[in-house]
Amino acid sequence: MKSQALPTSGTYVCHGVTWATGDPRLLLAPLPGGPLVYAEIMNQHLGYQVIGDDRWCTGWYRFTDTHHVEAAACPDRAPAGQSGQCVHCAGQDDFHYAHKFHQGGHAPKALVAYMAQPHWLYLATFADGTTKVGTAAEPRKRSRLDEQGALVATFLAQSPDGRTVRFLEDALARRLGLTQTVRAAAKLNSLAAMRDLAPAQLAHKRHLDSALVALDAMNITATPEPWTPPEEGDLVRAGAERVLYPHDVREGEHGFTPVACIGSQVLAALDSEDELRYLLDLGALKGRRLTLGAYASPSTAVQSALF
């Protein structure tokens, strides 16, 4: 993967936000073709126009070796189906079967080898106190948590392989009544309403204590290890004044500068005299065609949600 400066022109299919490089990047597939661009976004002017309201294929994940996967662009830049992929890319995507791997069924050889490596079980807590249980392969231990958009997280235990860790994930979710997914809209709205970290920290400690008791009851050795949040999200976690961006990022023209990022949620400054900072979800652009350039956001007239 190649890290690059944010392009100032051209048309792309947006694959969303990735933390695979260790910091937040906008993953872009250039039109009509070419390799994926891992574009820097922090403190860069991001100006774009959304082209139409159709969704376009965001490619697939391929295995680069036994222990690593990477994103690949759709070679045809084709319209997306219900899965967000075209038929060709869905057929190429061996990693698609990872989510149901522990339940049996078809498993390509490359996926079997990938799932045979150590995996981690984790808890992640979001701004409203919602806590999810999840898993990450060893090479994705850091980036998987970084991309979640959580405020507090803990690695609970290491598992010898991906099948075992998914059984643990299901068991812990049942025992503690925890979710395994959190909607992007809920993450964004809770970050907008957050005033300090205390509620999320208290909720995380409560769920962590319960999880450690549950793992002990299952004869699983816990090795709790706190996740260190990326510094790119410090402004948001510190309670910097913010409001929800009042426009739909999936249509029209926009221009702003991300000054903080948690997962795919960014705190952005507009290119104006406006001193407010705006929260928006760049993940909502996944599958959209964007033309990059010197675009600006529509005028805003909002009142701070923190007063």
C-alpha atoms as a PDB file:
ATOM      1  CA  MET A   1       0.000   0.000   0.000  1.00  0.00           C
ATOM      2  CA  LYS A   2       1.240   3.454  -0.884  1.00  0.00           C
ATOM      3  CA  SER A   3       0.500   6.500   1.270  1.00  0.00           C
ATOM      4  CA  GLN A   4      -0.095   9.633  -0.757  1.00  0.00           C
ATOM      5  CA  ALA A   5      -1.037  13.257  -0.370  1.00  0.00           C
ATOM      6  CA  LEU A   6      -4.702  14.033  -0.832  1.00  0.00           C
ATOM      7  CA  PRO A   7      -5.262  14.600  -4.576  1.00  0.00           C
ATOM      8  CA  THR A   8      -6.479  18.050  -5.579  1.00  0.00           C
ATOM      9  CA  SER A   9      -8.227  16.915  -8.754  1.00  0.00           C
ATOM     10  CA  GLY A  10      -9.601  13.841 -10.488  1.00  0.00           C
ATOM     11  CA  THR A  11     -12.615  11.566 -10.061  1.00  0.00           C
ATOM     12  CA  TYR A  12     -12.597   8.548  -7.745  1.00  0.00           C
ATOM     13  CA  VAL A  13     -14.738   5.829  -6.238  1.00  0.00           C
ATOM     14  CA  CYS A  14     -14.451   6.281  -2.485  1.00  0.00           C
ATOM     15  CA  HIS A  15     -13.742   3.128  -0.465  1.00  0.00           C
ATOM     16  CA  GLY A  16     -14.170   4.925   2.870  1.00  0.00           C
ATOM     17  CA  VAL A  17     -11.622   5.531   5.628  1.00  0.00           C
ATOM     18  CA  THR A  18      -8.784   3.135   6.420  1.00  0.00           C
ATOM     19  CA  TRP A  19      -6.298   3.045   9.313  1.00  0.00           C
ATOM     20  CA  ALA A  20      -4.114   0.401   7.640  1.00  0.00           C
ATOM     21  CA  THR A  21      -1.190   2.855   7.404  1.00  0.00           C
ATOM     22  CA  GLY A  22      -1.376   3.740  11.112  1.00  0.00           C
ATOM     23  CA  ASP A  23      -3.285   6.987  10.587  1.00  0.00           C
ATOM     24  CA  PRO A  24      -6.638   7.838   8.990  1.00  0.00           C
ATOM     25  CA  ARG A  25      -6.617   7.840   5.188  1.00  0.00           C
ATOM     26  CA  LEU A  26      -9.316   8.217   2.570  1.00  0.00           C
ATOM     27  CA  LEU A  27      -9.110   5.149   0.330  1.00  0.00           C
ATOM     28  CA  LEU A  28      -9.784   6.170  -3.281  1.00  0.00           C
ATOM     29  CA  ALA A  29     -10.012   4.192  -6.529  1.00  0.00           C
ATOM     30  CA  PRO A  30      -9.148   6.530  -9.442  1.00  0.00           C
ATOM     31  CA  LEU A  31     -11.301   6.605 -12.562  1.00  0.00           C
ATOM     32  CA  PRO A  32     -11.065   5.163 -15.109  1.00  0.00           C
ATOM     33  CA  GLY A  33      -8.401   2.906 -13.559  1.00  0.00           C
ATOM     34  CA  GLY A  34      -5.223   2.652 -11.531  1.00  0.00           C
ATOM     35  CA  PRO A  35      -4.083   1.510  -8.073  1.00  0.00           C
ATOM     36  CA  LEU A  36      -5.852   2.533  -4.889  1.00  0.00           C
ATOM     37  CA  VAL A  37      -4.753   5.817  -3.325  1.00  0.00           C
ATOM     38  CA  TYR A  38      -4.279   5.943   0.456  1.00  0.00           C
ATOM     39  CA  ALA A  39      -4.850   9.694   0.722  1.00  0.00           C
ATOM     40  CA  GLU A  40      -3.873  11.757   3.748  1.00  0.00           C
ATOM     41  CA  ILE A  41      -6.758  13.707   5.261  1.00  0.00           C
ATOM     42  CA  MET A  42      -5.533  15.141   8.575  1.00  0.00           C
ATOM     43  CA  ASN A  43      -5.166  18.932   8.332  1.00  0.00           C
ATOM     44  CA  GLN A  44      -5.650  18.750   4.562  1.00  0.00           C
ATOM     45  CA  HIS A  45      -8.342  20.636   2.642  1.00  0.00           C
ATOM     46  CA  LEU A  46     -10.821  18.037   1.419  1.00  0.00           C
ATOM     47  CA  GLY A  47     -12.937  19.554  -1.334  1.00  0.00           C
ATOM     48  CA  TYR A  48     -15.207  17.317  -3.379  1.00  0.00           C
ATOM     49  CA  GLN A  49     -18.379  17.067  -5.425  1.00  0.00           C
ATOM     50  CA  VAL A  50     -20.496  13.914  -5.290  1.00  0.00           C
ATOM     51  CA  ILE A  51     -21.321  12.635  -8.786  1.00  0.00           C
ATOM     52  CA  GLY A  52     -24.891  11.308  -8.862  1.00  0.00           C
ATOM     53  CA  ASP A  53     -26.589   9.207  -6.210  1.00  0.00           C
ATOM     54  CA  ASP A  54     -25.586   5.728  -7.460  1.00  0.00           C
ATOM     55  CA  ARG A  55     -23.396   3.360  -5.480  1.00  0.00           C
ATOM     56  CA  TRP A  56     -20.282   1.868  -7.047  1.00  0.00           C
ATOM     57  CA  CYS A  57     -18.361  -1.321  -6.317  1.00  0.00           C
ATOM     58  CA  THR A  58     -15.678  -0.982  -3.644  1.00  0.00           C
ATOM     59  CA  GLY A  59     -13.706  -4.016  -4.796  1.00  0.00           C
ATOM     60  CA  TRP A  60     -12.644  -6.859  -2.562  1.00  0.00           C
ATOM     61  CA  TYR A  61     -10.026  -7.981  -0.041  1.00  0.00           C
ATOM     62  CA  ARG A  62      -7.242 -10.247  -1.247  1.00  0.00           C
ATOM     63  CA  PHE A  63      -4.597 -12.209   0.616  1.00  0.00           C
ATOM     64  CA  THR A  64      -1.070 -10.911   0.096  1.00  0.00           C
ATOM     65  CA  ASP A  65       0.458 -13.774   2.099  1.00  0.00           C
ATOM     66  CA  THR A  66      -0.603 -16.205   4.799  1.00  0.00           C
ATOM     67  CA  HIS A  67      -1.188 -13.532   7.439  1.00  0.00           C
ATOM     68  CA  HIS A  68      -2.186 -10.347   5.604  1.00  0.00           C
ATOM     69  CA  VAL A  69      -5.033  -9.020   3.489  1.00  0.00           C
ATOM     70  CA  GLU A  70      -5.278  -5.815   1.494  1.00  0.00           C
ATOM     71  CA  ALA A  71      -7.969  -3.897  -0.369  1.00  0.00           C
ATOM     72  CA  ALA A  72      -8.216  -4.213  -4.152  1.00  0.00           C
ATOM     73  CA  ALA A  73     -10.123  -1.876  -6.464  1.00  0.00           C
ATOM     74  CA  CYS A  74     -12.868  -3.105  -8.776  1.00  0.00           C
ATOM     75  CA  PRO A  75     -11.150  -3.477 -12.179  1.00  0.00           C
ATOM     76  CA  ASP A  76     -14.326  -2.388 -13.999  1.00  0.00           C
ATOM     77  CA  ARG A  77     -15.366   0.367 -11.543  1.00  0.00           C
ATOM     78  CA  ALA A  78     -18.775  -1.280 -11.873  1.00  0.00           C
ATOM     79  CA  PRO A  79     -22.094  -0.410 -10.220  1.00  0.00           C
ATOM     80  CA  ALA A  80     -22.492  -1.983  -6.781  1.00  0.00           C
ATOM     81  CA  GLY A  81     -24.941  -4.732  -5.937  1.00  0.00           C
ATOM     82  CA  GLN A  82     -26.676  -5.164  -2.585  1.00  0.00           C
ATOM     83  CA  SER A  83     -23.420  -6.185  -0.884  1.00  0.00           C
ATOM     84  CA  GLY A  84     -21.617  -3.022  -2.056  1.00  0.00           C
ATOM     85  CA  GLN A  85     -19.714  -5.153  -4.588  1.00  0.00           C
ATOM     86  CA  CYS A  86     -20.302  -6.120  -8.188  1.00  0.00           C
ATOM     87  CA  VAL A  87     -20.748  -9.804  -9.063  1.00  0.00           C
ATOM     88  CA  HIS A  88     -17.121 -10.140 -10.220  1.00  0.00           C
ATOM     89  CA  CYS A  89     -15.580  -8.686  -7.050  1.00  0.00           C
ATOM     90  CA  ALA A  90     -17.930 -10.604  -4.757  1.00  0.00           C
ATOM     91  CA  GLY A  91     -16.760 -13.805  -6.454  1.00  0.00           C
ATOM     92  CA  GLN A  92     -13.103 -12.862  -5.939  1.00  0.00           C
ATOM     93  CA  ASP A  93     -13.500 -11.995  -2.247  1.00  0.00           C
ATOM     94  CA  ASP A  94     -12.333 -15.047  -0.285  1.00  0.00           C
ATOM     95  CA  PHE A  95     -12.204 -12.927   2.879  1.00  0.00           C
ATOM     96  CA  HIS A  96     -15.999 -12.529   2.690  1.00  0.00           C
ATOM     97  CA  TYR A  97     -16.328 -15.964   4.306  1.00  0.00           C
ATOM     98  CA  ALA A  98     -14.376 -14.937   7.427  1.00  0.00           C
ATOM     99  CA  HIS A  99     -17.464 -13.663   9.268  1.00  0.00           C
ATOM    100  CA  LYS A 100     -19.129 -17.102   9.185  1.00  0.00           C
ATOM    101  CA  PHE A 101     -15.931 -19.150   9.288  1.00  0.00           C
ATOM    102  CA  HIS A 102     -16.609 -20.641  12.743  1.00  0.00           C
ATOM    103  CA  GLN A 103     -20.057 -21.831  11.660  1.00  0.00           C
ATOM    104  CA  GLY A 104     -18.715 -24.193   9.018  1.00  0.00           C
ATOM    105  CA  GLY A 105     -19.430 -24.156   5.297  1.00  0.00           C
ATOM    106  CA  HIS A 106     -17.179 -23.093   2.441  1.00  0.00           C
ATOM    107  CA  ALA A 107     -13.735 -21.777   3.357  1.00  0.00           C
ATOM    108  CA  PRO A 108     -11.098 -21.072   0.675  1.00  0.00           C
ATOM    109  CA  LYS A 109      -7.583 -22.349   1.394  1.00  0.00           C
ATOM    110  CA  ALA A 110      -6.167 -18.844   1.738  1.00  0.00           C
ATOM    111  CA  LEU A 111      -8.800 -17.993   4.356  1.00  0.00           C
ATOM    112  CA  VAL A 112      -8.144 -21.232   6.290  1.00  0.00           C
ATOM    113  CA  ALA A 113      -4.447 -20.296   6.511  1.00  0.00           C
ATOM    114  CA  TYR A 114      -5.261 -16.715   7.539  1.00  0.00           C
ATOM    115  CA  MET A 115      -7.659 -17.846  10.253  1.00  0.00           C
ATOM    116  CA  ALA A 116      -5.070 -20.273  11.657  1.00  0.00           C
ATOM    117  CA  GLN A 117      -2.985 -17.394  13.066  1.00  0.00           C
ATOM    118  CA  PRO A 118      -3.529 -15.892  16.559  1.00  0.00           C
ATOM    119  CA  HIS A 119      -6.511 -13.585  17.036  1.00  0.00           C
ATOM    120  CA  TRP A 120      -7.542 -11.165  19.773  1.00  0.00           C
ATOM    121  CA  LEU A 121     -10.813 -10.728  21.631  1.00  0.00           C
ATOM    122  CA  TYR A 122     -11.602  -7.137  22.615  1.00  0.00           C
ATOM    123  CA  LEU A 123     -14.176  -4.843  24.212  1.00  0.00           C
ATOM    124  CA  ALA A 124     -14.779  -1.382  22.722  1.00  0.00           C
ATOM    125  CA  THR A 125     -16.922   1.326  24.333  1.00  0.00           C
ATOM    126  CA  PHE A 126     -18.419   4.281  22.470  1.00  0.00           C
ATOM    127  CA  ALA A 127     -19.367   7.797  23.518  1.00  0.00           C
ATOM    128  CA  ASP A 128     -22.858   6.858  24.758  1.00  0.00           C
ATOM    129  CA  GLY A 129     -21.560   3.962  26.854  1.00  0.00           C
ATOM    130  CA  THR A 130     -22.516   1.250  24.356  1.00  0.00           C
ATOM    131  CA  THR A 131     -19.946  -1.551  24.478  1.00  0.00           C
ATOM    132  CA  LYS A 132     -19.328  -4.128  21.770  1.00  0.00           C
ATOM    133  CA  VAL A 133     -17.287  -7.304  21.773  1.00  0.00           C
ATOM    134  CA  GLY A 134     -15.149  -7.980  18.719  1.00  0.00           C
ATOM    135  CA  THR A 135     -12.151  -9.805  17.285  1.00  0.00           C
ATOM    136  CA  ALA A 136      -8.976  -8.909  15.386  1.00  0.00           C
ATOM    137  CA  ALA A 137      -6.294 -10.981  13.703  1.00  0.00           C
ATOM    138  CA  GLU A 138      -2.776 -10.450  15.038  1.00  0.00           C
ATOM    139  CA  PRO A 139      -1.593  -8.233  12.125  1.00  0.00           C
ATOM    140  CA  ARG A 140      -4.762  -6.143  12.483  1.00  0.00           C
ATOM    141  CA  LYS A 141      -4.655  -5.865  16.261  1.00  0.00           C
ATOM    142  CA  ARG A 142      -3.976  -2.136  16.237  1.00  0.00           C
ATOM    143  CA  SER A 143      -5.733  -0.937  13.061  1.00  0.00           C
ATOM    144  CA  ARG A 144      -8.914  -2.888  13.821  1.00  0.00           C
ATOM    145  CA  LEU A 145      -9.447  -0.934  17.047  1.00  0.00           C
ATOM    146  CA  ASP A 146      -8.364   2.360  15.495  1.00  0.00           C
ATOM    147  CA  GLU A 147     -11.019   2.101  12.790  1.00  0.00           C
ATOM    148  CA  GLN A 148     -13.867   1.269  15.195  1.00  0.00           C
ATOM    149  CA  GLY A 149     -14.515   4.803  16.441  1.00  0.00           C
ATOM    150  CA  ALA A 150     -14.485   3.789  20.100  1.00  0.00           C
ATOM    151  CA  LEU A 151     -13.354   5.992  22.983  1.00  0.00           C
ATOM    152  CA  VAL A 152     -12.116   3.248  25.317  1.00  0.00           C
ATOM    153  CA  ALA A 153     -11.134  -0.333  24.514  1.00  0.00           C
ATOM    154  CA  THR A 154      -9.352  -3.317  26.033  1.00  0.00           C
ATOM    155  CA  PHE A 155      -7.850  -6.427  24.466  1.00  0.00           C
ATOM    156  CA  LEU A 156      -9.219  -9.223  26.637  1.00  0.00           C
ATOM    157  CA  ALA A 157      -7.387 -12.350  25.545  1.00  0.00           C
ATOM    158  CA  GLN A 158      -5.382 -13.887  22.747  1.00  0.00           C
ATOM    159  CA  SER A 159      -6.813 -16.922  20.999  1.00  0.00           C
ATOM    160  CA  PRO A 160      -4.782 -19.467  18.995  1.00  0.00           C
ATOM    161  CA  ASP A 161      -6.917 -19.023  15.872  1.00  0.00           C
ATOM    162  CA  GLY A 162      -9.830 -17.215  14.283  1.00  0.00           C
ATOM    163  CA  ARG A 163     -12.366 -20.005  14.726  1.00  0.00           C
ATOM    164  CA  THR A 164     -11.866 -20.227  18.490  1.00  0.00           C
ATOM    165  CA  VAL A 165     -11.975 -16.469  19.011  1.00  0.00           C
ATOM    166  CA  ARG A 166     -15.296 -16.173  17.196  1.00  0.00           C
ATOM    167  CA  PHE A 167     -16.864 -18.803  19.425  1.00  0.00           C
ATOM    168  CA  LEU A 168     -15.587 -16.777  22.390  1.00  0.00           C
ATOM    169  CA  GLU A 169     -17.025 -13.592  20.891  1.00  0.00           C
ATOM    170  CA  ASP A 170     -20.469 -15.184  20.499  1.00  0.00           C
ATOM    171  CA  ALA A 171     -20.380 -16.671  24.001  1.00  0.00           C
ATOM    172  CA  LEU A 172     -19.375 -13.406  25.667  1.00  0.00           C
ATOM    173  CA  ALA A 173     -21.997 -11.437  23.755  1.00  0.00           C
ATOM    174  CA  ARG A 174     -24.691 -13.866  24.954  1.00  0.00           C
ATOM    175  CA  ARG A 175     -23.551 -13.979  28.580  1.00  0.00           C
ATOM    176  CA  LEU A 176     -23.223 -10.206  28.989  1.00  0.00           C
ATOM    177  CA  GLY A 177     -25.900  -9.031  26.569  1.00  0.00           C
ATOM    178  CA  LEU A 178     -23.333  -7.101  24.503  1.00  0.00           C
ATOM    179  CA  THR A 179     -23.682  -6.158  20.870  1.00  0.00           C
ATOM    180  CA  GLN A 180     -21.219  -7.169  18.157  1.00  0.00           C
ATOM    181  CA  THR A 181     -22.000  -4.189  15.914  1.00  0.00           C
ATOM    182  CA  VAL A 182     -22.641  -0.473  16.445  1.00  0.00           C
ATOM    183  CA  ARG A 183     -24.285   1.643  13.748  1.00  0.00           C
ATOM    184  CA  ALA A 184     -22.252   4.500  12.279  1.00  0.00           C
ATOM    185  CA  ALA A 185     -25.087   6.978  12.901  1.00  0.00           C
ATOM    186  CA  ALA A 186     -25.140   6.066  16.592  1.00  0.00           C
ATOM    187  CA  LYS A 187     -21.377   6.618  16.848  1.00  0.00           C
ATOM    188  CA  LEU A 188     -21.647  10.027  15.200  1.00  0.00           C
ATOM    189  CA  ASN A 189     -24.613  11.259  17.259  1.00  0.00           C
ATOM    190  CA  SER A 190     -23.109  10.108  20.544  1.00  0.00           C
ATOM    191  CA  LEU A 191     -19.821  11.879  19.762  1.00  0.00           C
ATOM    192  CA  ALA A 192     -21.732  15.070  19.041  1.00  0.00           C
ATOM    193  CA  ALA A 193     -23.474  14.897  22.424  1.00  0.00           C
ATOM    194  CA  MET A 194     -20.373  13.878  24.425  1.00  0.00           C
ATOM    195  CA  ARG A 195     -19.050  16.391  26.922  1.00  0.00           C
ATOM    196  CA  ASP A 196     -16.363  14.317  28.648  1.00  0.00           C
ATOM    197  CA  LEU A 197     -14.958  10.800  28.743  1.00  0.00           C
ATOM    198  CA  ALA A 198     -16.195   9.857  32.210  1.00  0.00           C
ATOM    199  CA  PRO A 199     -19.478   8.095  31.229  1.00  0.00           C
ATOM    200  CA  ALA A 200     -17.750   5.977  28.583  1.00  0.00           C
ATOM    201  CA  GLN A 201     -14.890   5.126  30.942  1.00  0.00           C
ATOM    202  CA  LEU A 202     -17.288   4.056  33.705  1.00  0.00           C
ATOM    203  CA  ALA A 203     -19.345   1.961  31.292  1.00  0.00           C
ATOM    204  CA  HIS A 204     -16.216   0.311  29.930  1.00  0.00           C
ATOM    205  CA  LYS A 205     -14.926  -0.579  33.395  1.00  0.00           C
ATOM    206  CA  ARG A 206     -18.275  -2.125  34.315  1.00  0.00           C
ATOM    207  CA  HIS A 207     -18.383  -4.246  31.170  1.00  0.00           C
ATOM    208  CA  LEU A 208     -14.697  -5.146  31.468  1.00  0.00           C
ATOM    209  CA  ASP A 209     -15.149  -6.395  35.033  1.00  0.00           C
ATOM    210  CA  SER A 210     -18.104  -8.528  33.931  1.00  0.00           C
ATOM    211  CA  ALA A 211     -16.185  -9.859  30.933  1.00  0.00           C
ATOM    212  CA  LEU A 212     -13.231 -10.945  33.064  1.00  0.00           C
ATOM    213  CA  VAL A 213     -15.561 -12.827  35.417  1.00  0.00           C
ATOM    214  CA  ALA A 214     -17.288 -14.481  32.455  1.00  0.00           C
ATOM    215  CA  LEU A 215     -14.007 -15.537  30.836  1.00  0.00           C
ATOM    216  CA  ASP A 216     -12.838 -17.019  34.109  1.00  0.00           C
ATOM    217  CA  ALA A 217     -16.070 -19.008  34.322  1.00  0.00           C
ATOM    218  CA  MET A 218     -15.337 -20.343  30.820  1.00  0.00           C
ATOM    219  CA  ASN A 219     -11.792 -21.327  31.898  1.00  0.00           C
ATOM    220  CA  ILE A 220     -10.290 -18.769  29.522  1.00  0.00           C
ATOM    221  CA  THR A 221      -7.113 -17.023  30.642  1.00  0.00           C
ATOM    222  CA  ALA A 222      -7.643 -13.277  30.309  1.00  0.00           C
ATOM    223  CA  THR A 223      -4.703 -10.986  29.578  1.00  0.00           C
ATOM    224  CA  PRO A 224      -6.337  -7.535  29.662  1.00  0.00           C
ATOM    225  CA  GLU A 225      -4.360  -4.924  27.763  1.00  0.00           C
ATOM    226  CA  PRO A 226      -5.648  -1.344  27.362  1.00  0.00           C
ATOM    227  CA  TRP A 227      -5.811   0.006  23.823  1.00  0.00           C
ATOM    228  CA  THR A 228      -3.998   3.308  23.348  1.00  0.00           C
ATOM    229  CA  PRO A 229      -6.201   5.644  21.264  1.00  0.00           C
ATOM    230  CA  PRO A 230      -4.563   7.357  18.268  1.00  0.00           C
ATOM    231  CA  GLU A 231      -3.551  10.963  18.889  1.00  0.00           C
ATOM    232  CA  GLU A 232      -5.569  12.005  15.825  1.00  0.00           C
ATOM    233  CA  GLY A 233      -8.691  11.801  18.012  1.00  0.00           C
ATOM    234  CA  ASP A 234      -7.385  13.811  20.967  1.00  0.00           C
ATOM    235  CA  LEU A 235      -9.400  16.964  20.224  1.00  0.00           C
ATOM    236  CA  VAL A 236     -12.665  15.042  20.202  1.00  0.00           C
ATOM    237  CA  ARG A 237     -11.871  13.056  23.347  1.00  0.00           C
ATOM    238  CA  ALA A 238     -10.863  16.286  25.116  1.00  0.00           C
ATOM    239  CA  GLY A 239     -14.371  17.656  24.623  1.00  0.00           C
ATOM    240  CA  ALA A 240     -13.584  20.307  22.008  1.00  0.00           C
ATOM    241  CA  GLU A 241     -16.699  22.257  21.075  1.00  0.00           C
ATOM    242  CA  ARG A 242     -18.469  20.666  18.119  1.00  0.00           C
ATOM    243  CA  VAL A 243     -21.784  20.391  16.294  1.00  0.00           C
ATOM    244  CA  LEU A 244     -23.084  17.962  13.720  1.00  0.00           C
ATOM    245  CA  TYR A 245     -22.297  18.957  10.143  1.00  0.00           C
ATOM    246  CA  PRO A 246     -25.673  20.204   8.878  1.00  0.00           C
ATOM    247  CA  HIS A 247     -25.383  18.874   5.307  1.00  0.00           C
ATOM    248  CA  ASP A 248     -25.596  15.434   3.713  1.00  0.00           C
ATOM    249  CA  VAL A 249     -22.013  14.524   2.789  1.00  0.00           C
ATOM    250  CA  ARG A 250     -23.368  12.085   0.157  1.00  0.00           C
ATOM    251  CA  GLU A 251     -24.660  14.786  -2.185  1.00  0.00           C
ATOM    252  CA  GLY A 252     -23.565  18.138  -3.572  1.00  0.00           C
ATOM    253  CA  GLU A 253     -20.329  20.033  -2.990  1.00  0.00           C
ATOM    254  CA  HIS A 254     -18.323  20.198   0.228  1.00  0.00           C
ATOM    255  CA  GLY A 255     -15.052  21.618   1.467  1.00  0.00           C
ATOM    256  CA  PHE A 256     -13.516  21.282   4.928  1.00  0.00           C
ATOM    257  CA  THR A 257     -10.318  20.430   6.779  1.00  0.00           C
ATOM    258  CA  PRO A 258     -10.280  17.447   9.167  1.00  0.00           C
ATOM    259  CA  VAL A 259      -8.537  18.462  12.404  1.00  0.00           C
ATOM    260  CA  ALA A 260      -9.339  15.308  14.391  1.00  0.00           C
ATOM    261  CA  CYS A 261     -10.503  11.800  13.572  1.00  0.00           C
ATOM    262  CA  ILE A 262     -11.991   8.886  15.518  1.00  0.00           C
ATOM    263  CA  GLY A 263     -12.658   5.867  13.317  1.00  0.00           C
ATOM    264  CA  SER A 264     -14.331   7.349  10.248  1.00  0.00           C
ATOM    265  CA  GLN A 265     -15.815  10.274  12.200  1.00  0.00           C
ATOM    266  CA  VAL A 266     -13.949  13.534  11.646  1.00  0.00           C
ATOM    267  CA  LEU A 267     -13.989  16.891  13.383  1.00  0.00           C
ATOM    268  CA  ALA A 268     -13.637  19.445  10.614  1.00  0.00           C
ATOM    269  CA  ALA A 269     -13.043  23.150  10.161  1.00  0.00           C
ATOM    270  CA  LEU A 270     -14.835  24.864   7.294  1.00  0.00           C
ATOM    271  CA  ASP A 271     -13.002  27.143   4.915  1.00  0.00           C
ATOM    272  CA  SER A 272     -14.590  30.282   6.308  1.00  0.00           C
ATOM    273  CA  GLU A 273     -14.525  32.567   9.339  1.00  0.00           C
ATOM    274  CA  ASP A 274     -16.685  30.053  11.226  1.00  0.00           C
ATOM    275  CA  GLU A 275     -14.927  29.120  14.480  1.00  0.00           C
ATOM    276  CA  LEU A 276     -17.139  26.094  15.144  1.00  0.00           C
ATOM    277  CA  ARG A 277     -15.908  22.594  14.415  1.00  0.00           C
ATOM    278  CA  TYR A 278     -18.221  20.133  12.710  1.00  0.00           C
ATOM    279  CA  LEU A 279     -18.594  16.375  13.177  1.00  0.00           C
ATOM    280  CA  LEU A 280     -19.277  14.248  10.120  1.00  0.00           C
ATOM    281  CA  ASP A 281     -18.826  10.657   8.997  1.00  0.00           C
ATOM    282  CA  LEU A 282     -16.538  10.183   6.000  1.00  0.00           C
ATOM    283  CA  GLY A 283     -17.548   6.519   6.010  1.00  0.00           C
ATOM    284  CA  ALA A 284     -20.864   7.618   4.497  1.00  0.00           C
ATOM    285  CA  LEU A 285     -18.982   8.323   1.256  1.00  0.00           C
ATOM    286  CA  LYS A 286     -18.177   4.645   0.705  1.00  0.00           C
ATOM    287  CA  GLY A 287     -19.260   3.611  -2.777  1.00  0.00           C
ATOM    288  CA  ARG A 288     -19.794   7.181  -4.020  1.00  0.00           C
ATOM    289  CA  ARG A 289     -18.080   8.780  -6.981  1.00  0.00           C
ATOM    290  CA  LEU A 290     -16.274  11.979  -6.020  1.00  0.00           C
ATOM    291  CA  THR A 291     -14.580  14.683  -8.043  1.00  0.00           C
ATOM    292  CA  LEU A 292     -11.901  16.344  -5.923  1.00  0.00           C
ATOM    293  CA  GLY A 293     -11.097  20.029  -6.231  1.00  0.00           C
ATOM    294  CA  ALA A 294     -11.432  23.493  -4.723  1.00  0.00           C
ATOM    295  CA  TYR A 295     -15.001  22.975  -3.557  1.00  0.00           C
ATOM    296  CA  ALA A 296     -16.627  24.610  -0.532  1.00  0.00           C
ATOM    297  CA  SER A 297     -19.441  23.554   1.773  1.00  0.00           C
ATOM    298  CA  PRO A 298     -22.829  25.262   1.635  1.00  0.00           C
ATOM    299  CA  SER A 299     -23.335  28.037   4.141  1.00  0.00           C
ATOM    300  CA  THR A 300     -24.064  26.927   7.710  1.00  0.00           C
ATOM    301  CA  ALA A 301     -26.216  28.477  10.394  1.00  0.00           C
ATOM    302  CA  VAL A 302     -26.149  26.230  13.436  1.00  0.00           C
ATOM    303  CA  GLN A 303     -25.956  26.669  17.191  1.00  0.00           C
ATOM    304  CA  SER A 304     -23.508  24.752  19.335  1.00  0.00           C
ATOM    305  CA  ALA A 305     -25.001  21.588  20.814  1.00  0.00           C
ATOM    306  CA  LEU A 306     -22.857  22.046  23.921  1.00  0.00           C
ATOM    307  CA  PHE A 307     -24.649  25.181  25.151  1.00  0.00           C
END
